[in-house]
Amino acid sequence: MDVSGAYQLKVRSSEENKNSGIYRIEIKALRTAGNRDQMRVIACRRLSNAIQLRHQWKEAALKSAAGEYEKAARSWGLTGDRPLEALVLKHAGDIWEILSERQRALTCYRQAQAIYGQLGDQSGEIRITNAISALSINQGSTKSSERLHARTNGN
């Protein structure tokens, strides 16, 4: 719900015993929130839900977390934030791998890999290649992992 008014922003570390820091927040333009802004809020909420569910570390919560990560990724894609879409897809893949849902993990990883490729983000592609390799190794397929690394390294 969008409500105009005065708001207070609190910044804190999610970790205990962290030293305080100096922050600067700058409002570059004051404008009415548009559809893309509303989608960002939805994406943030889904991502927050996914993280909270992941921290419960129970099977049902992890399944819900993976679904929330996938929804958040779609929302980030609709905002045009492709790097965040790819990152969140990788997190979804990680959860599916933990749950031994390897095909679903691979689907998320491949989608993230495609996005990183479109963006020309080589470090992102390498992170995903490593995740896919680990998935292959966990399935007992070291040959496909070796082929994947050889292709990534240009061999």
N, C-alpha and C. Protein backbone atom coordinates (compact mmCIF):
# COMPACT_ATOMS: atom_id res chain seq x y z
N MET A 1 0.85 -1.17 0.00
CA MET A 1 0.00 0.00 0.00
C MET A 1 0.90 1.24 0.00
N ASP A 2 0.67 2.11 -0.92
CA ASP A 2 1.46 3.34 -1.02
C ASP A 2 0.80 4.43 -0.20
N VAL A 3 1.56 4.99 0.72
CA VAL A 3 1.06 6.06 1.57
C VAL A 3 2.13 7.14 1.62
N SER A 4 1.72 8.36 1.30
CA SER A 4 2.68 9.46 1.39
C SER A 4 2.83 9.87 2.83
N GLY A 5 3.96 10.49 3.13
CA GLY A 5 4.19 10.95 4.48
C GLY A 5 5.66 10.95 4.82
N ALA A 6 5.96 11.18 6.07
CA ALA A 6 7.34 11.18 6.55
C ALA A 6 7.70 9.76 6.99
N TYR A 7 8.88 9.32 6.62
CA TYR A 7 9.35 7.98 6.96
C TYR A 7 10.72 8.07 7.60
N GLN A 8 11.03 7.07 8.39
CA GLN A 8 12.33 6.98 9.03
C GLN A 8 13.02 5.73 8.48
N LEU A 9 14.26 5.86 8.07
CA LEU A 9 15.03 4.75 7.53
C LEU A 9 16.08 4.36 8.56
N LYS A 10 16.06 3.08 8.98
CA LYS A 10 17.05 2.59 9.93
C LYS A 10 17.97 1.63 9.18
N VAL A 11 19.27 1.83 9.34
CA VAL A 11 20.27 0.98 8.71
C VAL A 11 21.01 0.25 9.82
N ARG A 12 21.07 -1.09 9.72
CA ARG A 12 21.78 -1.87 10.72
C ARG A 12 22.34 -3.12 10.06
N SER A 13 23.34 -3.67 10.67
CA SER A 13 23.94 -4.90 10.17
C SER A 13 23.08 -6.08 10.57
N SER A 14 23.02 -7.08 9.72
CA SER A 14 22.29 -8.29 10.07
C SER A 14 23.13 -9.18 10.98
N GLU A 15 24.39 -8.83 11.15
CA GLU A 15 25.30 -9.59 12.00
C GLU A 15 25.52 -8.83 13.30
N GLU A 16 25.61 -9.58 14.40
CA GLU A 16 25.86 -8.96 15.69
C GLU A 16 27.32 -8.54 15.79
N ASN A 17 27.58 -7.61 16.65
CA ASN A 17 28.94 -7.16 16.96
C ASN A 17 29.67 -6.58 15.76
N LYS A 18 28.98 -5.98 14.84
CA LYS A 18 29.63 -5.30 13.72
C LYS A 18 29.86 -3.85 14.11
N ASN A 19 30.99 -3.33 13.69
CA ASN A 19 31.28 -1.93 13.96
C ASN A 19 30.33 -1.04 13.17
N SER A 20 30.06 0.09 13.74
CA SER A 20 29.19 1.03 13.04
C SER A 20 29.96 1.66 11.89
N GLY A 21 29.24 2.18 10.94
CA GLY A 21 29.86 2.81 9.79
C GLY A 21 29.20 4.13 9.48
N ILE A 22 29.70 4.76 8.45
CA ILE A 22 29.12 6.02 8.00
C ILE A 22 28.44 5.76 6.67
N TYR A 23 27.20 6.20 6.55
CA TYR A 23 26.43 5.98 5.33
C TYR A 23 25.93 7.31 4.80
N ARG A 24 25.76 7.37 3.52
CA ARG A 24 25.20 8.57 2.90
C ARG A 24 24.08 8.11 1.98
N ILE A 25 22.92 8.65 2.18
CA ILE A 25 21.77 8.35 1.34
C ILE A 25 21.40 9.62 0.61
N GLU A 26 21.23 9.50 -0.67
CA GLU A 26 20.94 10.67 -1.50
C GLU A 26 19.68 10.41 -2.31
N ILE A 27 18.75 11.32 -2.25
CA ILE A 27 17.55 11.24 -3.09
C ILE A 27 17.82 12.08 -4.32
N LYS A 28 17.92 11.41 -5.46
CA LYS A 28 18.26 12.12 -6.70
C LYS A 28 17.04 12.76 -7.34
N ALA A 29 15.89 12.13 -7.20
CA ALA A 29 14.68 12.69 -7.79
C ALA A 29 13.48 12.21 -6.99
N LEU A 30 12.60 13.10 -6.70
CA LEU A 30 11.37 12.76 -6.01
C LEU A 30 10.28 12.63 -7.07
N ARG A 31 9.67 11.46 -7.14
CA ARG A 31 8.67 11.22 -8.17
C ARG A 31 7.63 10.22 -7.67
N THR A 32 6.55 10.13 -8.38
CA THR A 32 5.51 9.16 -8.07
C THR A 32 5.99 7.78 -8.48
N ALA A 33 5.73 6.80 -7.63
CA ALA A 33 6.13 5.43 -7.93
C ALA A 33 5.36 4.92 -9.14
N GLY A 34 6.08 4.28 -10.05
CA GLY A 34 5.47 3.69 -11.24
C GLY A 34 5.37 2.18 -11.13
N ASN A 35 4.94 1.55 -12.21
CA ASN A 35 4.78 0.09 -12.22
C ASN A 35 6.09 -0.64 -11.93
N ARG A 36 7.19 -0.14 -12.49
CA ARG A 36 8.49 -0.77 -12.27
C ARG A 36 8.89 -0.69 -10.80
N ASP A 37 8.59 0.44 -10.17
CA ASP A 37 8.89 0.60 -8.74
C ASP A 37 8.07 -0.39 -7.91
N GLN A 38 6.81 -0.52 -8.26
CA GLN A 38 5.94 -1.45 -7.53
C GLN A 38 6.43 -2.89 -7.71
N MET A 39 6.92 -3.22 -8.90
CA MET A 39 7.44 -4.56 -9.14
C MET A 39 8.72 -4.78 -8.33
N ARG A 40 9.52 -3.73 -8.16
CA ARG A 40 10.73 -3.85 -7.33
C ARG A 40 10.35 -4.16 -5.87
N VAL A 41 9.31 -3.51 -5.39
CA VAL A 41 8.85 -3.76 -4.02
C VAL A 41 8.41 -5.21 -3.89
N ILE A 42 7.67 -5.69 -4.87
CA ILE A 42 7.22 -7.09 -4.86
C ILE A 42 8.42 -8.03 -4.89
N ALA A 43 9.39 -7.72 -5.74
CA ALA A 43 10.59 -8.56 -5.85
C ALA A 43 11.35 -8.58 -4.53
N CYS A 44 11.48 -7.43 -3.90
CA CYS A 44 12.19 -7.36 -2.60
C CYS A 44 11.48 -8.18 -1.54
N ARG A 45 10.16 -8.09 -1.52
CA ARG A 45 9.39 -8.86 -0.53
C ARG A 45 9.54 -10.35 -0.76
N ARG A 46 9.48 -10.77 -2.02
CA ARG A 46 9.65 -12.20 -2.33
C ARG A 46 11.05 -12.67 -1.96
N LEU A 47 12.03 -11.85 -2.25
CA LEU A 47 13.40 -12.21 -1.90
C LEU A 47 13.56 -12.30 -0.39
N SER A 48 12.99 -11.36 0.33
CA SER A 48 13.05 -11.38 1.79
C SER A 48 12.36 -12.63 2.34
N ASN A 49 11.21 -12.97 1.78
CA ASN A 49 10.50 -14.19 2.20
C ASN A 49 11.36 -15.42 1.94
N ALA A 50 12.00 -15.48 0.78
CA ALA A 50 12.84 -16.62 0.43
C ALA A 50 13.98 -16.77 1.43
N ILE A 51 14.60 -15.67 1.77
CA ILE A 51 15.74 -15.71 2.71
C ILE A 51 15.28 -16.19 4.09
N GLN A 52 14.14 -15.67 4.55
CA GLN A 52 13.62 -16.10 5.85
C GLN A 52 13.28 -17.58 5.85
N LEU A 53 12.66 -18.04 4.78
CA LEU A 53 12.33 -19.47 4.69
C LEU A 53 13.60 -20.32 4.63
N ARG A 54 14.58 -19.87 3.89
CA ARG A 54 15.85 -20.62 3.78
C ARG A 54 16.51 -20.78 5.14
N HIS A 55 16.43 -19.77 5.97
CA HIS A 55 17.08 -19.81 7.27
C HIS A 55 16.41 -20.80 8.23
N GLN A 56 15.19 -21.21 7.94
CA GLN A 56 14.51 -22.20 8.79
C GLN A 56 15.15 -23.57 8.64
N TRP A 57 15.73 -23.82 7.50
CA TRP A 57 16.49 -25.03 7.22
C TRP A 57 15.68 -26.31 7.45
N LYS A 58 14.43 -26.29 7.04
CA LYS A 58 13.56 -27.46 7.08
C LYS A 58 13.10 -27.72 5.66
N GLU A 59 12.86 -28.97 5.33
CA GLU A 59 12.56 -29.34 3.94
C GLU A 59 11.40 -28.54 3.35
N ALA A 60 10.30 -28.48 4.06
CA ALA A 60 9.13 -27.76 3.53
C ALA A 60 9.45 -26.28 3.33
N ALA A 61 10.16 -25.69 4.28
CA ALA A 61 10.52 -24.28 4.18
C ALA A 61 11.49 -24.06 3.02
N LEU A 62 12.43 -24.99 2.82
CA LEU A 62 13.38 -24.87 1.72
C LEU A 62 12.67 -24.95 0.37
N LYS A 63 11.69 -25.84 0.25
CA LYS A 63 10.91 -25.91 -1.00
C LYS A 63 10.18 -24.60 -1.25
N SER A 64 9.59 -24.06 -0.20
CA SER A 64 8.91 -22.77 -0.34
C SER A 64 9.90 -21.67 -0.69
N ALA A 65 11.08 -21.73 -0.09
CA ALA A 65 12.11 -20.73 -0.37
C ALA A 65 12.52 -20.77 -1.84
N ALA A 66 12.72 -21.96 -2.37
CA ALA A 66 13.11 -22.09 -3.78
C ALA A 66 12.04 -21.49 -4.69
N GLY A 67 10.78 -21.76 -4.37
CA GLY A 67 9.69 -21.17 -5.14
C GLY A 67 9.66 -19.66 -5.04
N GLU A 68 9.91 -19.14 -3.85
CA GLU A 68 9.95 -17.68 -3.66
C GLU A 68 11.12 -17.05 -4.41
N TYR A 69 12.27 -17.74 -4.40
CA TYR A 69 13.41 -17.24 -5.17
C TYR A 69 13.05 -17.17 -6.65
N GLU A 70 12.38 -18.20 -7.16
CA GLU A 70 12.00 -18.20 -8.58
C GLU A 70 11.03 -17.07 -8.89
N LYS A 71 10.06 -16.84 -8.01
CA LYS A 71 9.12 -15.74 -8.21
C LYS A 71 9.84 -14.40 -8.14
N ALA A 72 10.75 -14.28 -7.19
CA ALA A 72 11.52 -13.03 -7.06
C ALA A 72 12.35 -12.79 -8.32
N ALA A 73 12.94 -13.85 -8.86
CA ALA A 73 13.73 -13.71 -10.09
C ALA A 73 12.87 -13.21 -11.24
N ARG A 74 11.68 -13.77 -11.38
CA ARG A 74 10.78 -13.29 -12.44
C ARG A 74 10.43 -11.82 -12.23
N SER A 75 10.19 -11.45 -10.98
CA SER A 75 9.87 -10.05 -10.68
C SER A 75 11.05 -9.14 -11.01
N TRP A 76 12.27 -9.56 -10.66
CA TRP A 76 13.45 -8.74 -10.99
C TRP A 76 13.60 -8.63 -12.49
N GLY A 77 13.29 -9.71 -13.21
CA GLY A 77 13.35 -9.65 -14.67
C GLY A 77 12.38 -8.62 -15.22
N LEU A 78 11.20 -8.53 -14.64
CA LEU A 78 10.20 -7.56 -15.10
C LEU A 78 10.62 -6.12 -14.81
N THR A 79 11.48 -5.93 -13.81
CA THR A 79 11.98 -4.58 -13.53
C THR A 79 13.13 -4.20 -14.45
N GLY A 80 13.67 -5.20 -15.15
CA GLY A 80 14.81 -4.94 -16.02
C GLY A 80 16.15 -5.13 -15.34
N ASP A 81 16.13 -5.58 -14.09
CA ASP A 81 17.38 -5.81 -13.35
C ASP A 81 17.85 -7.24 -13.62
N ARG A 82 18.46 -7.43 -14.77
CA ARG A 82 18.89 -8.76 -15.20
C ARG A 82 19.98 -9.36 -14.32
N PRO A 83 20.97 -8.58 -13.85
CA PRO A 83 21.97 -9.19 -12.97
C PRO A 83 21.36 -9.76 -11.69
N LEU A 84 20.41 -9.04 -11.11
CA LEU A 84 19.78 -9.54 -9.89
C LEU A 84 18.88 -10.74 -10.22
N GLU A 85 18.23 -10.71 -11.36
CA GLU A 85 17.43 -11.85 -11.77
C GLU A 85 18.30 -13.11 -11.84
N ALA A 86 19.47 -12.99 -12.45
CA ALA A 86 20.38 -14.14 -12.57
C ALA A 86 20.87 -14.60 -11.20
N LEU A 87 21.24 -13.67 -10.35
CA LEU A 87 21.74 -14.02 -9.02
C LEU A 87 20.68 -14.78 -8.22
N VAL A 88 19.45 -14.30 -8.28
CA VAL A 88 18.37 -14.93 -7.52
C VAL A 88 18.05 -16.31 -8.10
N LEU A 89 18.14 -16.46 -9.42
CA LEU A 89 17.97 -17.79 -10.03
C LEU A 89 19.03 -18.75 -9.53
N LYS A 90 20.26 -18.25 -9.37
CA LYS A 90 21.32 -19.11 -8.84
C LYS A 90 20.98 -19.56 -7.43
N HIS A 91 20.47 -18.65 -6.61
CA HIS A 91 20.06 -19.02 -5.25
C HIS A 91 18.96 -20.08 -5.27
N ALA A 92 18.01 -19.94 -6.19
CA ALA A 92 16.96 -20.95 -6.32
C ALA A 92 17.58 -22.29 -6.69
N GLY A 93 18.51 -22.28 -7.64
CA GLY A 93 19.19 -23.51 -8.03
C GLY A 93 19.92 -24.14 -6.86
N ASP A 94 20.57 -23.32 -6.06
CA ASP A 94 21.29 -23.84 -4.88
C ASP A 94 20.34 -24.58 -3.94
N ILE A 95 19.17 -23.99 -3.72
CA ILE A 95 18.19 -24.64 -2.83
C ILE A 95 17.69 -25.95 -3.44
N TRP A 96 17.38 -25.93 -4.74
CA TRP A 96 16.92 -27.16 -5.38
C TRP A 96 17.99 -28.24 -5.30
N GLU A 97 19.25 -27.84 -5.42
CA GLU A 97 20.33 -28.83 -5.29
C GLU A 97 20.37 -29.42 -3.87
N ILE A 98 20.24 -28.57 -2.87
CA ILE A 98 20.21 -29.04 -1.48
C ILE A 98 19.10 -30.06 -1.29
N LEU A 99 17.98 -29.83 -1.95
CA LEU A 99 16.81 -30.71 -1.84
C LEU A 99 16.91 -31.93 -2.77
N SER A 100 18.04 -32.07 -3.45
CA SER A 100 18.27 -33.17 -4.41
C SER A 100 17.31 -33.12 -5.59
N GLU A 101 16.79 -31.94 -5.89
CA GLU A 101 15.94 -31.73 -7.07
C GLU A 101 16.87 -31.22 -8.17
N ARG A 102 17.72 -32.11 -8.65
CA ARG A 102 18.81 -31.71 -9.53
C ARG A 102 18.35 -31.15 -10.87
N GLN A 103 17.28 -31.68 -11.42
CA GLN A 103 16.80 -31.14 -12.71
C GLN A 103 16.28 -29.72 -12.54
N ARG A 104 15.59 -29.47 -11.44
CA ARG A 104 15.10 -28.10 -11.19
C ARG A 104 16.27 -27.16 -10.94
N ALA A 105 17.29 -27.66 -10.22
CA ALA A 105 18.49 -26.85 -9.99
C ALA A 105 19.15 -26.51 -11.32
N LEU A 106 19.29 -27.50 -12.17
CA LEU A 106 19.93 -27.29 -13.46
C LEU A 106 19.14 -26.29 -14.31
N THR A 107 17.83 -26.35 -14.27
CA THR A 107 16.99 -25.41 -15.01
C THR A 107 17.27 -23.97 -14.55
N CYS A 108 17.31 -23.77 -13.24
CA CYS A 108 17.59 -22.42 -12.70
C CYS A 108 18.99 -21.97 -13.08
N TYR A 109 19.95 -22.88 -12.95
CA TYR A 109 21.33 -22.53 -13.30
C TYR A 109 21.45 -22.16 -14.77
N ARG A 110 20.81 -22.93 -15.64
CA ARG A 110 20.89 -22.64 -17.08
C ARG A 110 20.26 -21.29 -17.41
N GLN A 111 19.14 -20.97 -16.76
CA GLN A 111 18.52 -19.66 -16.99
C GLN A 111 19.45 -18.54 -16.55
N ALA A 112 20.07 -18.71 -15.39
CA ALA A 112 21.01 -17.70 -14.89
C ALA A 112 22.21 -17.59 -15.82
N GLN A 113 22.70 -18.72 -16.29
CA GLN A 113 23.85 -18.74 -17.20
C GLN A 113 23.53 -17.98 -18.49
N ALA A 114 22.33 -18.18 -19.01
CA ALA A 114 21.93 -17.48 -20.24
C ALA A 114 21.89 -15.97 -20.02
N ILE A 115 21.38 -15.55 -18.89
CA ILE A 115 21.31 -14.12 -18.59
C ILE A 115 22.72 -13.54 -18.48
N TYR A 116 23.58 -14.22 -17.72
CA TYR A 116 24.96 -13.72 -17.60
C TYR A 116 25.63 -13.67 -18.97
N GLY A 117 25.35 -14.64 -19.83
CA GLY A 117 25.91 -14.63 -21.18
C GLY A 117 25.43 -13.42 -21.97
N GLN A 118 24.14 -13.13 -21.89
CA GLN A 118 23.58 -11.97 -22.60
C GLN A 118 24.19 -10.67 -22.09
N LEU A 119 24.51 -10.64 -20.79
CA LEU A 119 25.08 -9.44 -20.19
C LEU A 119 26.58 -9.32 -20.42
N GLY A 120 27.18 -10.40 -20.89
CA GLY A 120 28.64 -10.40 -21.06
C GLY A 120 29.36 -10.46 -19.73
N ASP A 121 28.71 -11.00 -18.71
CA ASP A 121 29.27 -11.09 -17.37
C ASP A 121 30.00 -12.43 -17.22
N GLN A 122 31.29 -12.41 -17.49
CA GLN A 122 32.07 -13.65 -17.46
C GLN A 122 32.19 -14.23 -16.05
N SER A 123 32.33 -13.38 -15.05
CA SER A 123 32.44 -13.92 -13.69
C SER A 123 31.13 -14.59 -13.27
N GLY A 124 30.00 -14.02 -13.68
CA GLY A 124 28.72 -14.65 -13.40
C GLY A 124 28.61 -16.00 -14.10
N GLU A 125 29.03 -16.05 -15.36
CA GLU A 125 29.00 -17.31 -16.10
C GLU A 125 29.88 -18.36 -15.44
N ILE A 126 31.04 -17.94 -14.95
CA ILE A 126 31.95 -18.88 -14.30
C ILE A 126 31.35 -19.41 -13.00
N ARG A 127 30.70 -18.53 -12.22
CA ARG A 127 30.05 -18.99 -10.98
C ARG A 127 28.98 -20.04 -11.29
N ILE A 128 28.23 -19.81 -12.35
CA ILE A 128 27.18 -20.76 -12.71
C ILE A 128 27.79 -22.06 -13.24
N THR A 129 28.85 -21.95 -14.04
CA THR A 129 29.54 -23.14 -14.54
C THR A 129 30.05 -23.98 -13.37
N ASN A 130 30.59 -23.31 -12.35
CA ASN A 130 31.04 -24.04 -11.16
C ASN A 130 29.89 -24.73 -10.45
N ALA A 131 28.75 -24.05 -10.36
CA ALA A 131 27.58 -24.65 -9.71
C ALA A 131 27.09 -25.86 -10.50
N ILE A 132 27.06 -25.74 -11.82
CA ILE A 132 26.62 -26.87 -12.66
C ILE A 132 27.62 -28.03 -12.55
N SER A 133 28.90 -27.70 -12.50
CA SER A 133 29.92 -28.74 -12.34
C SER A 133 29.75 -29.47 -11.02
N ALA A 134 29.52 -28.71 -9.94
CA ALA A 134 29.32 -29.33 -8.63
C ALA A 134 28.08 -30.23 -8.67
N LEU A 135 27.05 -29.78 -9.34
CA LEU A 135 25.83 -30.57 -9.48
C LEU A 135 26.14 -31.88 -10.21
N SER A 136 26.93 -31.80 -11.27
CA SER A 136 27.31 -33.00 -12.03
C SER A 136 28.14 -33.94 -11.18
N ILE A 137 29.07 -33.39 -10.42
CA ILE A 137 29.91 -34.22 -9.56
C ILE A 137 29.06 -34.89 -8.49
N ASN A 138 28.12 -34.15 -7.91
CA ASN A 138 27.25 -34.72 -6.88
C ASN A 138 26.37 -35.83 -7.44
N GLN A 139 26.11 -35.78 -8.75
CA GLN A 139 25.34 -36.85 -9.40
C GLN A 139 26.25 -37.99 -9.82
N GLY A 140 27.56 -37.84 -9.60
CA GLY A 140 28.50 -38.89 -9.97
C GLY A 140 28.97 -38.80 -11.40
N SER A 141 28.78 -37.67 -12.05
CA SER A 141 29.15 -37.52 -13.45
C SER A 141 30.34 -36.58 -13.57
N THR A 142 31.54 -37.09 -13.25
CA THR A 142 32.72 -36.25 -13.33
C THR A 142 33.11 -35.97 -14.77
N LYS A 143 32.76 -36.86 -15.69
CA LYS A 143 33.10 -36.64 -17.11
C LYS A 143 32.41 -35.38 -17.64
N SER A 144 31.11 -35.22 -17.35
CA SER A 144 30.41 -34.03 -17.85
C SER A 144 30.95 -32.78 -17.18
N SER A 145 31.35 -32.90 -15.92
CA SER A 145 31.95 -31.77 -15.22
C SER A 145 33.28 -31.38 -15.87
N GLU A 146 34.08 -32.37 -16.21
CA GLU A 146 35.37 -32.09 -16.86
C GLU A 146 35.15 -31.43 -18.23
N ARG A 147 34.17 -31.91 -18.99
CA ARG A 147 33.87 -31.31 -20.30
C ARG A 147 33.42 -29.85 -20.13
N LEU A 148 32.60 -29.61 -19.13
CA LEU A 148 32.08 -28.27 -18.88
C LEU A 148 33.23 -27.31 -18.55
N HIS A 149 34.14 -27.74 -17.68
CA HIS A 149 35.28 -26.89 -17.33
C HIS A 149 36.22 -26.69 -18.51
N ALA A 150 36.41 -27.72 -19.30
CA ALA A 150 37.29 -27.59 -20.47
C ALA A 150 36.71 -26.56 -21.45
N ARG A 151 35.39 -26.61 -21.63
CA ARG A 151 34.73 -25.65 -22.55
C ARG A 151 34.84 -24.23 -22.02
N THR A 152 34.68 -24.08 -20.69
CA THR A 152 34.77 -22.75 -20.07
C THR A 152 36.19 -22.19 -20.16
N ASN A 153 37.18 -23.07 -20.03
CA ASN A 153 38.58 -22.63 -20.06
C ASN A 153 39.13 -22.52 -21.48
N GLY A 154 38.28 -22.78 -22.48
CA GLY A 154 38.70 -22.63 -23.87
C GLY A 154 39.54 -23.78 -24.40
N ASN A 155 39.50 -24.93 -23.71
CA ASN A 155 40.27 -26.10 -24.17
C ASN A 155 39.47 -26.94 -25.13
